[in-house]
Amino acid sequence: MTAPTDRSTPMSYHEADLSRVTTIPVQSRPNKVRADEFAAPPPDDPAARSMGAFLASLPDILVARDFLAVVDAIVAARRKGRGVLLMLGGHVVKTGLARVLVDLVRRGIITHVAMNGSAAIHDYEIARFGGTSEDVAAGLRDGSFGMADETGRGLNGAFVAGMAQQWGMGESVARALADAEPLLHPELSLTYQCWRHHVPATIHAALGCEIIHQHPAANGAAIGDTSHRDFRRLAASLSTLHDGGVVLNVGSAVIMPEVFLKALTIARNLNGGAPTGFVTCDLDMQRHYRPRMNVVRRPTQDSGKGYEITGHHEIMVPMLAWAIVERMGQDG
C-alpha cells in the first residue's frame, strides 16, 4: 500500500523544453487547403450571374468538389452512351421534384428510374388526383390511414392486369394512368412519362410496407409477379453501367439499396463480373448504413467511385439537375 504523501514537501514538476523543438518552413508543408480553391462571391455585373458562373464559383473543397465530380460523371456517362440509373424513395416525389426529374428523362440523361412502392403511390396520386400525402397520425387513430379507395383499387387493378399481360409493375402503372379518366397531371408522373419516352421505370414493392397492400383489392400474387418482373428488368439494365455509368440513390434508406445490391450481383453473375468501373452517389438528408454500404462502398470497392452528399432533396436535386444541364451545354 502506498504511503500517504507528505503535503508539507513541495511537489516537483517537469515541463517540456519548447526551445528544443524542431520546426519546418511553412513552404515545405503539404497543405490540404489552398487559396485558389476558395469560393467566389456573386459578380457585381448581373449579366455575369449564371448557373455556369455559380458552379465555377464553388470551392474546390470537400463535398462541393464531390458534387461537381458527380455532375461530371453523369455528363461523361451520357456522352459515352453509358447508363444513368436513378433510384427513388417516396419523399423525393412528395417534395415537388417531378418536373425536374421528368425533364432529365426527356433530355435522355436518366436512362432507368427505379423506385420503391411509396414513391410509386405518391407518383400515381399526383398524376390522377393532383395531391398526395396524408396525416398519418390522425388517420391511425380511427383506422382510416391509407384507406383511400381509388388509390388502392386503381393500383391493385393495374397489377392484376399486368400479371395477366406479363408487364412489370412500373409498366402496369403507366398503362393504367394512360387509360385513366380524368388524369389531372400526367406531366408530373415519372412512371407515365418514362413509359412515353421509352425509359424503363421499375417499381420494387415490399409486401406490407405500402398502403395499397391493406386494400380489399390487394392481390399478393399480382404484386409479387409484377414487382419481381421489374426486379429482373432492373438487373438486366445494370449492364449499361459498365465502364462509366452512374447510379444515383435519392431518398431511399432501405428498399432501393437492398434491391440494387441483389440486382447487381445477378448482373455480375450473368456477365462475367460486369458491370464495374461505375460511379455511385447517395443523396439524402441523413447518412444511413444501407446506402453507404450497398450503394457507395460495396459496389465500387474494386473499381469506380462512390460519393455521399448530404442535403435536403428540394434543394439538392434541382441544383444537381441544373448543373447537369449546364454541363451538357443544353438550353432546353
C-alpha atoms as a PDB file:
ATOM      1  CA  MET A   1       0.000   0.000   0.000  1.00  0.00           C
ATOM      2  CA  THR A   2       1.395   3.427  -0.963  1.00  0.00           C
ATOM      3  CA  ALA A   3       2.342   5.653   1.971  1.00  0.00           C
ATOM      4  CA  PRO A   4       0.441   8.949   2.276  1.00  0.00           C
ATOM      5  CA  THR A   5       2.170  11.905   0.576  1.00  0.00           C
ATOM      6  CA  ASP A   6       3.718  14.484   2.862  1.00  0.00           C
ATOM      7  CA  ARG A   7       1.862  17.659   1.781  1.00  0.00           C
ATOM      8  CA  SER A   8       4.429  19.833   3.513  1.00  0.00           C
ATOM      9  CA  THR A   9       7.073  18.920   0.877  1.00  0.00           C
ATOM     10  CA  PRO A  10       6.684  20.829  -2.439  1.00  0.00           C
ATOM     11  CA  MET A  11       5.947  18.565  -5.462  1.00  0.00           C
ATOM     12  CA  SER A  12       8.482  18.570  -8.302  1.00  0.00           C
ATOM     13  CA  TYR A  13       7.050  19.298 -11.808  1.00  0.00           C
ATOM     14  CA  HIS A  14       8.686  18.641 -15.185  1.00  0.00           C
ATOM     15  CA  GLU A  15       7.998  20.747 -18.248  1.00  0.00           C
ATOM     16  CA  ALA A  16       8.858  20.160 -21.914  1.00  0.00           C
ATOM     17  CA  ASP A  17      11.565  22.479 -23.178  1.00  0.00           C
ATOM     18  CA  LEU A  18       9.943  24.125 -26.207  1.00  0.00           C
ATOM     19  CA  SER A  19      13.215  25.848 -27.095  1.00  0.00           C
ATOM     20  CA  ARG A  20      14.493  22.475 -28.296  1.00  0.00           C
ATOM     21  CA  VAL A  21      11.533  21.801 -30.629  1.00  0.00           C
ATOM     22  CA  THR A  22      12.402  21.368 -34.326  1.00  0.00           C
ATOM     23  CA  THR A  23      10.292  23.448 -36.711  1.00  0.00           C
ATOM     24  CA  ILE A  24       9.941  23.293 -40.509  1.00  0.00           C
ATOM     25  CA  PRO A  25       9.486  26.030 -43.142  1.00  0.00           C
ATOM     26  CA  VAL A  26       5.800  26.526 -43.988  1.00  0.00           C
ATOM     27  CA  GLN A  27       6.747  26.324 -47.687  1.00  0.00           C
ATOM     28  CA  SER A  28       7.781  22.682 -47.202  1.00  0.00           C
ATOM     29  CA  ARG A  29       4.497  21.654 -45.558  1.00  0.00           C
ATOM     30  CA  PRO A  30       1.843  19.980 -47.761  1.00  0.00           C
ATOM     31  CA  ASN A  31      -1.394  21.998 -47.424  1.00  0.00           C
ATOM     32  CA  LYS A  32      -4.847  20.436 -47.656  1.00  0.00           C
ATOM     33  CA  VAL A  33      -6.457  23.794 -48.484  1.00  0.00           C
ATOM     34  CA  ARG A  34      -5.141  26.414 -50.920  1.00  0.00           C
ATOM     35  CA  ALA A  35      -6.318  29.956 -51.552  1.00  0.00           C
ATOM     36  CA  ASP A  36      -7.067  29.237 -55.201  1.00  0.00           C
ATOM     37  CA  GLU A  37      -9.659  26.649 -54.108  1.00  0.00           C
ATOM     38  CA  PHE A  38     -11.832  29.168 -52.252  1.00  0.00           C
ATOM     39  CA  ALA A  39     -15.373  30.073 -53.251  1.00  0.00           C
ATOM     40  CA  ALA A  40     -16.067  33.246 -55.194  1.00  0.00           C
ATOM     41  CA  PRO A  41     -18.838  35.758 -54.378  1.00  0.00           C
ATOM     42  CA  PRO A  42     -21.549  36.654 -56.911  1.00  0.00           C
ATOM     43  CA  PRO A  43     -20.216  39.056 -59.570  1.00  0.00           C
ATOM     44  CA  ASP A  44     -21.362  42.666 -59.487  1.00  0.00           C
ATOM     45  CA  ASP A  45     -22.458  42.511 -63.120  1.00  0.00           C
ATOM     46  CA  PRO A  46     -25.970  40.924 -63.262  1.00  0.00           C
ATOM     47  CA  ALA A  47     -25.255  39.659 -66.769  1.00  0.00           C
ATOM     48  CA  ALA A  48     -22.380  37.584 -65.413  1.00  0.00           C
ATOM     49  CA  ARG A  49     -24.564  35.730 -62.910  1.00  0.00           C
ATOM     50  CA  SER A  50     -25.461  32.366 -64.410  1.00  0.00           C
ATOM     51  CA  MET A  51     -25.615  28.716 -63.420  1.00  0.00           C
ATOM     52  CA  GLY A  52     -22.252  28.189 -65.053  1.00  0.00           C
ATOM     53  CA  ALA A  53     -20.772  31.061 -63.077  1.00  0.00           C
ATOM     54  CA  PHE A  54     -22.267  29.662 -59.889  1.00  0.00           C
ATOM     55  CA  LEU A  55     -20.721  26.232 -60.488  1.00  0.00           C
ATOM     56  CA  ALA A  56     -17.365  27.820 -61.235  1.00  0.00           C
ATOM     57  CA  SER A  57     -17.628  29.822 -58.004  1.00  0.00           C
ATOM     58  CA  LEU A  58     -17.926  26.774 -55.740  1.00  0.00           C
ATOM     59  CA  PRO A  59     -14.930  25.950 -53.557  1.00  0.00           C
ATOM     60  CA  ASP A  60     -12.842  23.047 -54.827  1.00  0.00           C
ATOM     61  CA  ILE A  61     -13.080  21.510 -51.359  1.00  0.00           C
ATOM     62  CA  LEU A  62     -14.845  18.520 -49.730  1.00  0.00           C
ATOM     63  CA  VAL A  63     -18.482  17.966 -50.791  1.00  0.00           C
ATOM     64  CA  ALA A  64     -18.514  20.874 -53.254  1.00  0.00           C
ATOM     65  CA  ARG A  65     -15.755  19.023 -55.104  1.00  0.00           C
ATOM     66  CA  ASP A  66     -17.704  15.755 -54.824  1.00  0.00           C
ATOM     67  CA  PHE A  67     -20.880  17.405 -56.131  1.00  0.00           C
ATOM     68  CA  LEU A  68     -19.128  18.615 -59.265  1.00  0.00           C
ATOM     69  CA  ALA A  69     -17.449  15.223 -59.676  1.00  0.00           C
ATOM     70  CA  VAL A  70     -20.872  13.532 -59.696  1.00  0.00           C
ATOM     71  CA  VAL A  71     -22.204  16.073 -62.200  1.00  0.00           C
ATOM     72  CA  ASP A  72     -19.217  15.490 -64.486  1.00  0.00           C
ATOM     73  CA  ALA A  73     -19.602  11.712 -64.145  1.00  0.00           C
ATOM     74  CA  ILE A  74     -23.238  11.901 -65.283  1.00  0.00           C
ATOM     75  CA  VAL A  75     -22.348  14.113 -68.247  1.00  0.00           C
ATOM     76  CA  ALA A  76     -19.485  11.809 -69.216  1.00  0.00           C
ATOM     77  CA  ALA A  77     -21.725   8.752 -68.896  1.00  0.00           C
ATOM     78  CA  ARG A  78     -24.287  10.084 -71.327  1.00  0.00           C
ATOM     79  CA  ARG A  79     -21.668  11.246 -73.809  1.00  0.00           C
ATOM     80  CA  LYS A  80     -20.190   7.734 -73.766  1.00  0.00           C
ATOM     81  CA  GLY A  81     -23.618   6.116 -74.057  1.00  0.00           C
ATOM     82  CA  ARG A  82     -23.478   4.649 -70.558  1.00  0.00           C
ATOM     83  CA  GLY A  83     -26.458   4.235 -68.260  1.00  0.00           C
ATOM     84  CA  VAL A  84     -27.575   6.629 -65.531  1.00  0.00           C
ATOM     85  CA  LEU A  85     -29.797   4.858 -63.007  1.00  0.00           C
ATOM     86  CA  LEU A  86     -31.980   6.974 -60.711  1.00  0.00           C
ATOM     87  CA  MET A  87     -33.313   5.204 -57.604  1.00  0.00           C
ATOM     88  CA  LEU A  88     -36.012   6.980 -55.594  1.00  0.00           C
ATOM     89  CA  GLY A  89     -37.760   6.927 -52.251  1.00  0.00           C
ATOM     90  CA  GLY A  90     -41.215   8.382 -51.638  1.00  0.00           C
ATOM     91  CA  HIS A  91     -40.035  11.617 -50.024  1.00  0.00           C
ATOM     92  CA  VAL A  92     -38.457  12.732 -53.289  1.00  0.00           C
ATOM     93  CA  VAL A  93     -41.847  12.688 -55.020  1.00  0.00           C
ATOM     94  CA  LYS A  94     -43.538  14.473 -52.101  1.00  0.00           C
ATOM     95  CA  THR A  95     -41.107  17.383 -52.178  1.00  0.00           C
ATOM     96  CA  GLY A  96     -42.274  18.642 -55.557  1.00  0.00           C
ATOM     97  CA  LEU A  97     -39.419  17.441 -57.772  1.00  0.00           C
ATOM     98  CA  ALA A  98     -41.353  15.641 -60.501  1.00  0.00           C
ATOM     99  CA  ARG A  99     -40.916  18.299 -63.187  1.00  0.00           C
ATOM    100  CA  VAL A 100     -37.168  18.393 -62.615  1.00  0.00           C
ATOM    101  CA  LEU A 101     -36.786  14.610 -62.805  1.00  0.00           C
ATOM    102  CA  VAL A 102     -39.145  14.230 -65.770  1.00  0.00           C
ATOM    103  CA  ASP A 103     -37.064  16.825 -67.602  1.00  0.00           C
ATOM    104  CA  LEU A 104     -33.923  14.726 -67.092  1.00  0.00           C
ATOM    105  CA  VAL A 105     -35.811  11.760 -68.554  1.00  0.00           C
ATOM    106  CA  ARG A 106     -36.994  13.855 -71.509  1.00  0.00           C
ATOM    107  CA  ARG A 107     -33.442  15.013 -72.223  1.00  0.00           C
ATOM    108  CA  GLY A 108     -32.190  11.428 -72.273  1.00  0.00           C
ATOM    109  CA  ILE A 109     -29.964  11.947 -69.228  1.00  0.00           C
ATOM    110  CA  ILE A 110     -31.713   9.423 -66.969  1.00  0.00           C
ATOM    111  CA  THR A 111     -31.833   6.006 -68.631  1.00  0.00           C
ATOM    112  CA  HIS A 112     -33.646   3.986 -65.930  1.00  0.00           C
ATOM    113  CA  VAL A 113     -35.825   5.018 -62.989  1.00  0.00           C
ATOM    114  CA  ALA A 114     -36.267   2.530 -60.140  1.00  0.00           C
ATOM    115  CA  MET A 115     -38.470   3.416 -57.180  1.00  0.00           C
ATOM    116  CA  ASN A 116     -39.886   1.867 -54.049  1.00  0.00           C
ATOM    117  CA  GLY A 117     -43.608   1.328 -53.598  1.00  0.00           C
ATOM    118  CA  SER A 118     -44.080   4.521 -51.623  1.00  0.00           C
ATOM    119  CA  ALA A 119     -42.696   6.654 -54.454  1.00  0.00           C
ATOM    120  CA  ALA A 120     -44.976   4.895 -56.943  1.00  0.00           C
ATOM    121  CA  ILE A 121     -48.074   5.560 -54.828  1.00  0.00           C
ATOM    122  CA  HIS A 122     -47.318   9.277 -54.485  1.00  0.00           C
ATOM    123  CA  ASP A 123     -46.498   9.437 -58.199  1.00  0.00           C
ATOM    124  CA  TYR A 124     -49.839   7.825 -59.072  1.00  0.00           C
ATOM    125  CA  GLU A 125     -51.893  10.052 -56.755  1.00  0.00           C
ATOM    126  CA  ILE A 126     -50.303  13.266 -58.022  1.00  0.00           C
ATOM    127  CA  ALA A 127     -50.975  12.259 -61.619  1.00  0.00           C
ATOM    128  CA  ARG A 128     -54.576  11.202 -61.052  1.00  0.00           C
ATOM    129  CA  PHE A 129     -55.817  13.438 -58.269  1.00  0.00           C
ATOM    130  CA  GLY A 130     -53.371  16.338 -58.064  1.00  0.00           C
ATOM    131  CA  GLY A 131     -52.490  15.715 -54.403  1.00  0.00           C
ATOM    132  CA  THR A 132     -50.900  13.144 -52.107  1.00  0.00           C
ATOM    133  CA  SER A 133     -49.515  12.525 -48.579  1.00  0.00           C
ATOM    134  CA  GLU A 134     -51.966  12.273 -45.706  1.00  0.00           C
ATOM    135  CA  ASP A 135     -51.830  12.948 -41.964  1.00  0.00           C
ATOM    136  CA  VAL A 136     -50.676   9.539 -40.737  1.00  0.00           C
ATOM    137  CA  ALA A 137     -51.146  10.237 -37.020  1.00  0.00           C
ATOM    138  CA  ALA A 138     -54.719  11.446 -37.467  1.00  0.00           C
ATOM    139  CA  GLY A 139     -55.704   8.563 -39.747  1.00  0.00           C
ATOM    140  CA  LEU A 140     -54.125   5.984 -37.485  1.00  0.00           C
ATOM    141  CA  ARG A 141     -56.451   6.876 -34.595  1.00  0.00           C
ATOM    142  CA  ASP A 142     -59.584   5.647 -36.364  1.00  0.00           C
ATOM    143  CA  GLY A 143     -58.045   3.229 -38.858  1.00  0.00           C
ATOM    144  CA  SER A 144     -58.576   5.441 -41.906  1.00  0.00           C
ATOM    145  CA  PHE A 145     -54.875   5.892 -42.689  1.00  0.00           C
ATOM    146  CA  GLY A 146     -54.081   4.637 -46.169  1.00  0.00           C
ATOM    147  CA  MET A 147     -57.663   3.645 -46.914  1.00  0.00           C
ATOM    148  CA  ALA A 148     -58.309   5.842 -49.961  1.00  0.00           C
ATOM    149  CA  ASP A 149     -60.394   3.580 -52.166  1.00  0.00           C
ATOM    150  CA  GLU A 150     -59.448   4.940 -55.588  1.00  0.00           C
ATOM    151  CA  THR A 151     -55.706   4.662 -54.956  1.00  0.00           C
ATOM    152  CA  GLY A 152     -55.819   1.091 -53.717  1.00  0.00           C
ATOM    153  CA  ARG A 153     -58.343  -0.076 -56.274  1.00  0.00           C
ATOM    154  CA  GLY A 154     -56.599   1.615 -59.203  1.00  0.00           C
ATOM    155  CA  LEU A 155     -53.103   0.382 -58.424  1.00  0.00           C
ATOM    156  CA  ASN A 156     -54.051  -3.142 -57.425  1.00  0.00           C
ATOM    157  CA  GLY A 157     -56.171  -3.400 -60.546  1.00  0.00           C
ATOM    158  CA  ALA A 158     -53.158  -2.327 -62.577  1.00  0.00           C
ATOM    159  CA  PHE A 159     -51.068  -5.101 -61.021  1.00  0.00           C
ATOM    160  CA  VAL A 160     -53.681  -7.748 -61.792  1.00  0.00           C
ATOM    161  CA  ALA A 161     -53.821  -6.596 -65.402  1.00  0.00           C
ATOM    162  CA  GLY A 162     -50.027  -6.534 -65.519  1.00  0.00           C
ATOM    163  CA  MET A 163     -49.750 -10.083 -64.247  1.00  0.00           C
ATOM    164  CA  ALA A 164     -52.149 -11.239 -66.954  1.00  0.00           C
ATOM    165  CA  GLN A 165     -50.226  -9.391 -69.680  1.00  0.00           C
ATOM    166  CA  GLN A 166     -46.733 -10.136 -68.319  1.00  0.00           C
ATOM    167  CA  TRP A 167     -45.968  -6.470 -67.680  1.00  0.00           C
ATOM    168  CA  GLY A 168     -43.704  -5.179 -64.969  1.00  0.00           C
ATOM    169  CA  MET A 169     -45.167  -3.159 -62.110  1.00  0.00           C
ATOM    170  CA  GLY A 170     -43.914   0.142 -63.484  1.00  0.00           C
ATOM    171  CA  GLU A 171     -45.277  -0.611 -66.936  1.00  0.00           C
ATOM    172  CA  SER A 172     -48.582  -1.683 -65.389  1.00  0.00           C
ATOM    173  CA  VAL A 173     -48.950   1.605 -63.517  1.00  0.00           C
ATOM    174  CA  ALA A 174     -48.005   3.659 -66.574  1.00  0.00           C
ATOM    175  CA  ARG A 175     -50.552   1.859 -68.750  1.00  0.00           C
ATOM    176  CA  ALA A 176     -53.218   2.285 -66.070  1.00  0.00           C
ATOM    177  CA  LEU A 177     -52.510   6.011 -65.946  1.00  0.00           C
ATOM    178  CA  ALA A 178     -52.673   6.234 -69.738  1.00  0.00           C
ATOM    179  CA  ASP A 179     -56.180   4.751 -69.585  1.00  0.00           C
ATOM    180  CA  ALA A 180     -57.361   6.705 -66.512  1.00  0.00           C
ATOM    181  CA  GLU A 181     -60.004   9.396 -66.836  1.00  0.00           C
ATOM    182  CA  PRO A 182     -59.614  12.096 -65.748  1.00  0.00           C
ATOM    183  CA  LEU A 183     -55.854  12.368 -65.357  1.00  0.00           C
ATOM    184  CA  LEU A 184     -55.153  15.743 -63.776  1.00  0.00           C
ATOM    185  CA  HIS A 185     -51.364  15.891 -64.051  1.00  0.00           C
ATOM    186  CA  PRO A 186     -49.857  13.343 -66.454  1.00  0.00           C
ATOM    187  CA  GLU A 187     -46.842  15.628 -66.871  1.00  0.00           C
ATOM    188  CA  LEU A 188     -45.910  15.074 -63.200  1.00  0.00           C
ATOM    189  CA  SER A 189     -45.820  11.269 -63.254  1.00  0.00           C
ATOM    190  CA  LEU A 190     -42.397   9.702 -63.600  1.00  0.00           C
ATOM    191  CA  THR A 191     -43.869   6.267 -64.318  1.00  0.00           C
ATOM    192  CA  TYR A 192     -46.111   7.627 -67.071  1.00  0.00           C
ATOM    193  CA  GLN A 193     -43.521   9.957 -68.607  1.00  0.00           C
ATOM    194  CA  CYS A 194     -40.829   7.267 -68.579  1.00  0.00           C
ATOM    195  CA  TRP A 195     -43.230   4.982 -70.455  1.00  0.00           C
ATOM    196  CA  ARG A 196     -43.951   7.732 -73.012  1.00  0.00           C
ATOM    197  CA  HIS A 197     -40.224   8.384 -73.539  1.00  0.00           C
ATOM    198  CA  HIS A 198     -39.283   4.674 -73.700  1.00  0.00           C
ATOM    199  CA  VAL A 199     -37.224   4.815 -70.495  1.00  0.00           C
ATOM    200  CA  PRO A 200     -37.609   1.821 -68.157  1.00  0.00           C
ATOM    201  CA  ALA A 201     -39.366   2.652 -64.883  1.00  0.00           C
ATOM    202  CA  THR A 202     -39.421  -0.175 -62.366  1.00  0.00           C
ATOM    203  CA  ILE A 203     -41.245  -0.400 -59.033  1.00  0.00           C
ATOM    204  CA  HIS A 204     -39.902  -2.526 -56.206  1.00  0.00           C
ATOM    205  CA  ALA A 205     -42.610  -3.431 -53.715  1.00  0.00           C
ATOM    206  CA  ALA A 206     -42.177  -4.555 -50.108  1.00  0.00           C
ATOM    207  CA  LEU A 207     -45.260  -6.523 -49.052  1.00  0.00           C
ATOM    208  CA  GLY A 208     -46.923  -4.974 -46.023  1.00  0.00           C
ATOM    209  CA  CYS A 209     -44.985  -1.716 -46.283  1.00  0.00           C
ATOM    210  CA  GLU A 210     -47.348   0.137 -48.615  1.00  0.00           C
ATOM    211  CA  ILE A 211     -50.886   1.394 -48.020  1.00  0.00           C
ATOM    212  CA  ILE A 212     -52.285  -0.352 -51.076  1.00  0.00           C
ATOM    213  CA  HIS A 213     -51.464  -3.744 -49.536  1.00  0.00           C
ATOM    214  CA  GLN A 214     -54.191  -3.194 -46.915  1.00  0.00           C
ATOM    215  CA  HIS A 215     -56.842  -2.527 -49.566  1.00  0.00           C
ATOM    216  CA  PRO A 216     -59.613  -5.124 -50.215  1.00  0.00           C
ATOM    217  CA  ALA A 217     -58.473  -5.332 -53.843  1.00  0.00           C
ATOM    218  CA  ALA A 218     -54.883  -6.268 -52.952  1.00  0.00           C
ATOM    219  CA  ASN A 219     -53.666  -9.377 -54.755  1.00  0.00           C
ATOM    220  CA  GLY A 220     -50.404 -10.730 -53.385  1.00  0.00           C
ATOM    221  CA  ALA A 221     -49.754 -12.852 -56.436  1.00  0.00           C
ATOM    222  CA  ALA A 222     -50.109  -9.859 -58.758  1.00  0.00           C
ATOM    223  CA  ILE A 223     -47.928  -7.664 -56.545  1.00  0.00           C
ATOM    224  CA  GLY A 224     -45.233 -10.310 -56.421  1.00  0.00           C
ATOM    225  CA  ASP A 225     -45.403 -11.196 -60.092  1.00  0.00           C
ATOM    226  CA  THR A 226     -45.175  -7.631 -61.464  1.00  0.00           C
ATOM    227  CA  SER A 227     -42.612  -6.428 -58.946  1.00  0.00           C
ATOM    228  CA  HIS A 228     -40.399  -9.472 -59.447  1.00  0.00           C
ATOM    229  CA  ARG A 229     -40.536  -8.895 -63.192  1.00  0.00           C
ATOM    230  CA  ASP A 230     -39.335  -5.345 -62.557  1.00  0.00           C
ATOM    231  CA  PHE A 231     -36.532  -6.726 -60.396  1.00  0.00           C
ATOM    232  CA  ARG A 232     -35.404  -8.818 -63.354  1.00  0.00           C
ATOM    233  CA  ARG A 233     -35.697  -5.804 -65.657  1.00  0.00           C
ATOM    234  CA  LEU A 234     -33.559  -3.735 -63.320  1.00  0.00           C
ATOM    235  CA  ALA A 235     -30.901  -6.460 -63.197  1.00  0.00           C
ATOM    236  CA  ALA A 236     -30.840  -6.514 -66.996  1.00  0.00           C
ATOM    237  CA  SER A 237     -30.451  -2.717 -67.181  1.00  0.00           C
ATOM    238  CA  LEU A 238     -27.370  -2.692 -64.978  1.00  0.00           C
ATOM    239  CA  SER A 239     -25.142  -3.892 -67.821  1.00  0.00           C
ATOM    240  CA  THR A 240     -25.338  -0.330 -69.196  1.00  0.00           C
ATOM    241  CA  LEU A 241     -23.349   0.900 -66.178  1.00  0.00           C
ATOM    242  CA  HIS A 242     -20.144  -0.870 -67.190  1.00  0.00           C
ATOM    243  CA  ASP A 243     -17.112   1.393 -67.603  1.00  0.00           C
ATOM    244  CA  GLY A 244     -18.535   4.813 -66.848  1.00  0.00           C
ATOM    245  CA  GLY A 245     -22.185   4.597 -65.828  1.00  0.00           C
ATOM    246  CA  VAL A 246     -23.704   6.324 -62.787  1.00  0.00           C
ATOM    247  CA  VAL A 247     -26.087   5.208 -60.032  1.00  0.00           C
ATOM    248  CA  LEU A 248     -27.968   7.838 -58.005  1.00  0.00           C
ATOM    249  CA  ASN A 249     -29.817   6.784 -54.871  1.00  0.00           C
ATOM    250  CA  VAL A 250     -32.047   9.640 -53.758  1.00  0.00           C
ATOM    251  CA  GLY A 251     -34.064   9.326 -50.566  1.00  0.00           C
ATOM    252  CA  SER A 252     -34.300   5.557 -50.118  1.00  0.00           C
ATOM    253  CA  ALA A 253     -32.664   4.350 -46.911  1.00  0.00           C
ATOM    254  CA  VAL A 254     -33.525   0.647 -47.118  1.00  0.00           C
ATOM    255  CA  ILE A 255     -35.513  -0.763 -50.047  1.00  0.00           C
ATOM    256  CA  MET A 256     -33.628   0.520 -53.080  1.00  0.00           C
ATOM    257  CA  PRO A 257     -30.117  -0.061 -51.645  1.00  0.00           C
ATOM    258  CA  GLU A 258     -31.101  -3.663 -50.866  1.00  0.00           C
ATOM    259  CA  VAL A 259     -32.725  -4.202 -54.263  1.00  0.00           C
ATOM    260  CA  PHE A 260     -29.743  -2.650 -56.059  1.00  0.00           C
ATOM    261  CA  LEU A 261     -27.229  -4.903 -54.322  1.00  0.00           C
ATOM    262  CA  LYS A 262     -29.122  -8.057 -55.298  1.00  0.00           C
ATOM    263  CA  ALA A 263     -29.719  -6.868 -58.867  1.00  0.00           C
ATOM    264  CA  LEU A 264     -26.030  -6.035 -59.183  1.00  0.00           C
ATOM    265  CA  THR A 265     -24.915  -9.498 -58.096  1.00  0.00           C
ATOM    266  CA  ILE A 266     -27.282 -11.024 -60.685  1.00  0.00           C
ATOM    267  CA  ALA A 267     -25.862  -8.766 -63.403  1.00  0.00           C
ATOM    268  CA  ARG A 268     -22.293  -9.679 -62.475  1.00  0.00           C
ATOM    269  CA  ASN A 269     -23.169 -13.361 -62.221  1.00  0.00           C
ATOM    270  CA  LEU A 270     -24.569 -13.329 -65.754  1.00  0.00           C
ATOM    271  CA  ASN A 271     -21.930 -11.071 -67.330  1.00  0.00           C
ATOM    272  CA  GLY A 272     -18.594 -12.365 -66.118  1.00  0.00           C
ATOM    273  CA  GLY A 273     -18.241  -9.896 -63.281  1.00  0.00           C
ATOM    274  CA  ALA A 274     -19.522  -6.831 -65.141  1.00  0.00           C
ATOM    275  CA  PRO A 275     -20.604  -4.116 -64.641  1.00  0.00           C
ATOM    276  CA  THR A 276     -17.621  -2.489 -62.989  1.00  0.00           C
ATOM    277  CA  GLY A 277     -15.978   0.923 -63.196  1.00  0.00           C
ATOM    278  CA  PHE A 278     -19.090   3.000 -62.495  1.00  0.00           C
ATOM    279  CA  VAL A 279     -19.831   5.903 -60.137  1.00  0.00           C
ATOM    280  CA  THR A 280     -22.409   5.791 -57.350  1.00  0.00           C
ATOM    281  CA  CYS A 281     -23.842   8.601 -55.260  1.00  0.00           C
ATOM    282  CA  ASP A 282     -26.193   8.526 -52.289  1.00  0.00           C
ATOM    283  CA  LEU A 283     -28.034  11.821 -51.864  1.00  0.00           C
ATOM    284  CA  ASP A 284     -30.149  12.127 -48.737  1.00  0.00           C
ATOM    285  CA  MET A 285     -30.872  14.368 -45.752  1.00  0.00           C
ATOM    286  CA  GLN A 286     -29.166  11.921 -43.383  1.00  0.00           C
ATOM    287  CA  ARG A 287     -26.499   9.256 -43.671  1.00  0.00           C
ATOM    288  CA  HIS A 288     -27.769   5.680 -43.394  1.00  0.00           C
ATOM    289  CA  TYR A 289     -25.995   2.331 -43.128  1.00  0.00           C
ATOM    290  CA  ARG A 290     -27.501   0.547 -46.150  1.00  0.00           C
ATOM    291  CA  PRO A 291     -26.985   3.310 -48.729  1.00  0.00           C
ATOM    292  CA  ARG A 292     -23.406   3.757 -47.515  1.00  0.00           C
ATOM    293  CA  MET A 293     -22.611   0.054 -47.739  1.00  0.00           C
ATOM    294  CA  ASN A 294     -24.878  -1.168 -50.568  1.00  0.00           C
ATOM    295  CA  VAL A 295     -24.625   1.824 -52.903  1.00  0.00           C
ATOM    296  CA  VAL A 296     -21.491   3.813 -52.085  1.00  0.00           C
ATOM    297  CA  ARG A 297     -18.915   1.304 -50.826  1.00  0.00           C
ATOM    298  CA  ARG A 298     -19.501  -2.352 -51.741  1.00  0.00           C
ATOM    299  CA  PRO A 299     -20.380  -1.919 -55.445  1.00  0.00           C
ATOM    300  CA  THR A 300     -17.304   0.276 -56.026  1.00  0.00           C
ATOM    301  CA  GLN A 301     -14.829  -1.476 -53.731  1.00  0.00           C
ATOM    302  CA  ASP A 302     -12.660  -2.801 -56.571  1.00  0.00           C
ATOM    303  CA  SER A 303     -13.325  -0.165 -59.231  1.00  0.00           C
ATOM    304  CA  GLY A 304     -15.263   3.025 -59.745  1.00  0.00           C
ATOM    305  CA  LYS A 305     -16.003   5.644 -57.101  1.00  0.00           C
ATOM    306  CA  GLY A 306     -18.741   6.204 -54.510  1.00  0.00           C
ATOM    307  CA  TYR A 307     -19.925   9.516 -53.064  1.00  0.00           C
ATOM    308  CA  GLU A 308     -22.188  10.609 -50.217  1.00  0.00           C
ATOM    309  CA  ILE A 309     -23.815  14.045 -50.448  1.00  0.00           C
ATOM    310  CA  THR A 310     -25.992  15.224 -47.579  1.00  0.00           C
ATOM    311  CA  GLY A 311     -28.732  17.779 -48.177  1.00  0.00           C
ATOM    312  CA  HIS A 312     -32.443  18.419 -48.481  1.00  0.00           C
ATOM    313  CA  HIS A 313     -33.889  16.932 -51.657  1.00  0.00           C
ATOM    314  CA  GLU A 314     -35.911  20.023 -52.509  1.00  0.00           C
ATOM    315  CA  ILE A 315     -32.650  21.986 -52.786  1.00  0.00           C
ATOM    316  CA  MET A 316     -30.055  19.420 -53.865  1.00  0.00           C
ATOM    317  CA  VAL A 317     -31.990  17.689 -56.651  1.00  0.00           C
ATOM    318  CA  PRO A 318     -32.819  20.883 -58.590  1.00  0.00           C
ATOM    319  CA  MET A 319     -29.246  22.085 -58.147  1.00  0.00           C
ATOM    320  CA  LEU A 320     -27.955  18.755 -59.465  1.00  0.00           C
ATOM    321  CA  ALA A 321     -30.309  18.871 -62.445  1.00  0.00           C
ATOM    322  CA  TRP A 322     -29.419  22.462 -63.322  1.00  0.00           C
ATOM    323  CA  ALA A 323     -25.727  21.656 -63.038  1.00  0.00           C
ATOM    324  CA  ILE A 324     -26.047  18.615 -65.316  1.00  0.00           C
ATOM    325  CA  VAL A 325     -27.920  20.530 -67.991  1.00  0.00           C
ATOM    326  CA  GLU A 326     -25.423  23.394 -67.773  1.00  0.00           C
ATOM    327  CA  ARG A 327     -22.517  20.977 -68.186  1.00  0.00           C
ATOM    328  CA  MET A 328     -24.266  19.248 -71.087  1.00  0.00           C
ATOM    329  CA  GLY A 329     -24.484  22.563 -72.858  1.00  0.00           C
ATOM    330  CA  GLN A 330     -28.229  22.284 -73.396  1.00  0.00           C
ATOM    331  CA  ASP A 331     -30.524  25.286 -73.363  1.00  0.00           C
ATOM    332  CA  GLY A 332     -33.833  23.471 -73.088  1.00  0.00           C
END
